[in-house]
Amino acid sequence: MKSIITVTIITLCFIALPVIVFGQRDIAKPADKTQPQPVNPNAEIKPTVPKKRQREGTSFQSQDVVFRQIGTRTSAFFQPGNERYTCLENQCLDRAMKVVNDTQEQTYWKIDGEFTEFQGENFLIIKRAVLSP
């Protein structure tokens, strides 16, 4: 009887030990190498798209974006990730939006600018916008 209990305990140890040791490890997910999906200008905006809060004055360069008119304001959708930020109106944005409105197909842009904050929300000040090839 004691030998059956001993064999059972040893067997359980051999089964449980690898589960305990190897079950704690996180399996690394492979990097997503898919191309960013185009933004559908006619699609409804999902309010669940996460926005990263940026500090006042944080600058950025060569960010890939798609501009989209939402109501009376323009939003920039950062690629990849589709984070959406409202753009503050200035001459640079005005020139970009003329191209967007005159073009039938979706245009991709590389922009330089700066984040600003107002009442807990980030806005973009576009300083340079160039059509992306």
Protein backbone atom coordinates (compact mmCIF):
# COMPACT_ATOMS: atom_id res chain seq x y z
CA MET A 1 0.00 0.00 0.00
CA LYS A 2 2.85 2.38 0.87
CA SER A 3 4.53 1.69 -2.47
CA ILE A 4 1.36 2.64 -4.39
CA ILE A 5 1.13 5.92 -2.51
CA THR A 6 4.84 6.60 -3.06
CA VAL A 7 4.55 5.88 -6.80
CA THR A 8 1.47 8.11 -7.02
CA ILE A 9 3.23 11.00 -5.25
CA ILE A 10 6.32 10.66 -7.45
CA THR A 11 4.16 10.55 -10.60
CA LEU A 12 2.27 13.67 -9.54
CA CYS A 13 5.56 15.45 -8.88
CA PHE A 14 6.78 14.67 -12.39
CA ILE A 15 3.50 15.95 -13.85
CA ALA A 16 3.06 18.99 -11.61
CA LEU A 17 6.66 20.23 -11.59
CA PRO A 18 6.85 21.06 -15.34
CA VAL A 19 3.42 22.70 -15.19
CA ILE A 20 4.53 24.88 -12.29
CA VAL A 21 7.91 25.76 -13.82
CA PHE A 22 6.91 26.22 -17.46
CA GLY A 23 3.35 27.38 -16.92
CA GLN A 24 4.56 30.67 -15.42
CA ARG A 25 6.38 31.80 -18.56
CA ASP A 26 4.80 34.22 -20.99
CA ILE A 27 5.03 33.02 -24.53
CA ALA A 28 6.32 35.87 -26.69
CA LYS A 29 3.95 36.77 -29.48
CA PRO A 30 5.51 37.23 -32.91
CA ALA A 31 5.69 40.83 -34.12
CA ASP A 32 2.78 41.89 -36.28
CA LYS A 33 4.33 42.58 -39.67
CA THR A 34 1.12 43.42 -41.49
CA GLN A 35 0.80 46.68 -43.32
CA PRO A 36 -1.40 49.35 -41.71
CA GLN A 37 -4.96 49.12 -42.91
CA PRO A 38 -6.34 52.16 -44.71
CA VAL A 39 -8.88 54.28 -42.88
CA ASN A 40 -12.31 54.13 -44.45
CA PRO A 41 -13.43 57.77 -44.73
CA ASN A 42 -17.09 56.69 -44.72
CA ALA A 43 -16.83 54.39 -41.72
CA GLU A 44 -18.27 55.33 -38.38
CA ILE A 45 -15.66 56.34 -35.81
CA LYS A 46 -15.36 53.93 -32.94
CA PRO A 47 -15.07 55.72 -29.61
CA THR A 48 -13.01 52.81 -28.27
CA VAL A 49 -9.89 53.74 -30.28
CA PRO A 50 -7.33 54.35 -27.54
CA LYS A 51 -5.58 57.69 -27.35
CA LYS A 52 -2.23 58.09 -25.73
CA ARG A 53 -2.01 61.21 -23.59
CA GLN A 54 0.85 63.42 -24.69
CA ARG A 55 2.47 66.21 -22.68
CA GLU A 56 2.05 69.82 -23.74
CA GLY A 57 4.81 70.76 -26.18
CA THR A 58 5.77 67.20 -27.16
CA SER A 59 6.98 67.40 -30.73
CA PHE A 60 6.96 64.67 -33.36
CA GLN A 61 8.47 64.23 -36.81
CA SER A 62 7.67 62.12 -39.86
CA GLN A 63 4.52 60.58 -38.44
CA ASP A 64 2.37 58.70 -40.97
CA VAL A 65 -1.21 59.93 -40.82
CA VAL A 66 -4.47 60.03 -42.71
CA PHE A 67 -6.56 63.20 -42.40
CA ARG A 68 -10.32 62.98 -42.09
CA GLN A 69 -12.95 65.69 -41.79
CA ILE A 70 -15.23 65.05 -38.80
CA GLY A 71 -17.95 67.63 -38.52
CA THR A 72 -16.28 71.01 -38.75
CA ARG A 73 -12.91 69.77 -37.44
CA THR A 74 -10.12 67.72 -38.96
CA SER A 75 -8.65 64.68 -37.26
CA ALA A 76 -5.35 62.93 -37.93
CA PHE A 77 -5.30 59.15 -37.65
CA PHE A 78 -1.79 57.99 -36.78
CA GLN A 79 -0.55 54.83 -38.53
CA PRO A 80 -0.15 52.17 -37.22
CA GLY A 81 -2.60 52.00 -34.39
CA ASN A 82 -5.20 54.42 -35.70
CA GLU A 83 -4.88 56.81 -32.76
CA ARG A 84 -7.00 59.88 -33.53
CA TYR A 85 -6.14 63.44 -32.59
CA THR A 86 -8.00 66.62 -33.48
CA CYS A 87 -5.92 69.12 -35.46
CA LEU A 88 -5.88 72.82 -34.68
CA GLU A 89 -6.59 74.92 -37.72
CA ASN A 90 -3.62 76.67 -39.31
CA GLN A 91 -2.34 77.38 -42.82
CA CYS A 92 -0.44 74.09 -43.08
CA LEU A 93 -3.57 72.08 -42.28
CA ASP A 94 -5.61 74.24 -44.67
CA ARG A 95 -3.27 73.40 -47.56
CA ALA A 96 -3.32 69.69 -46.73
CA MET A 97 -7.12 69.62 -46.51
CA LYS A 98 -7.43 71.25 -49.93
CA VAL A 99 -5.48 68.32 -51.38
CA VAL A 100 -7.54 65.79 -49.38
CA ASN A 101 -10.82 67.35 -50.55
CA ASP A 102 -9.68 67.52 -54.19
CA THR A 103 -8.51 63.88 -54.29
CA GLN A 104 -10.90 60.97 -54.73
CA GLU A 105 -8.64 58.37 -53.14
CA GLN A 106 -7.29 58.26 -49.61
CA THR A 107 -4.04 60.16 -49.16
CA TYR A 108 -1.30 59.37 -46.69
CA TRP A 109 0.82 62.12 -45.17
CA LYS A 110 4.06 62.48 -43.24
CA ILE A 111 3.66 65.27 -40.73
CA ASP A 112 5.78 67.17 -38.24
CA GLY A 113 4.17 69.04 -35.40
CA GLU A 114 3.53 69.43 -31.73
CA PHE A 115 0.95 68.27 -29.20
CA THR A 116 -0.94 70.73 -27.07
CA GLU A 117 -3.51 70.13 -24.33
CA PHE A 118 -6.82 71.73 -23.50
CA GLN A 119 -9.26 70.50 -20.85
CA GLY A 120 -7.61 67.08 -20.66
CA GLU A 121 -7.59 66.44 -24.40
CA ASN A 122 -4.66 66.51 -26.81
CA PHE A 123 -4.70 68.54 -30.02
CA LEU A 124 -2.18 68.66 -32.88
CA ILE A 125 -0.47 71.71 -34.26
CA ILE A 126 0.74 70.71 -37.72
CA LYS A 127 3.99 72.44 -38.70
CA ARG A 128 4.76 70.48 -41.89
CA ALA A 129 2.70 68.09 -44.02
CA VAL A 130 4.05 66.21 -47.05
CA LEU A 131 2.20 63.70 -49.19
CA SER A 132 3.58 60.23 -48.55
CA PRO A 133 4.55 58.20 -51.63
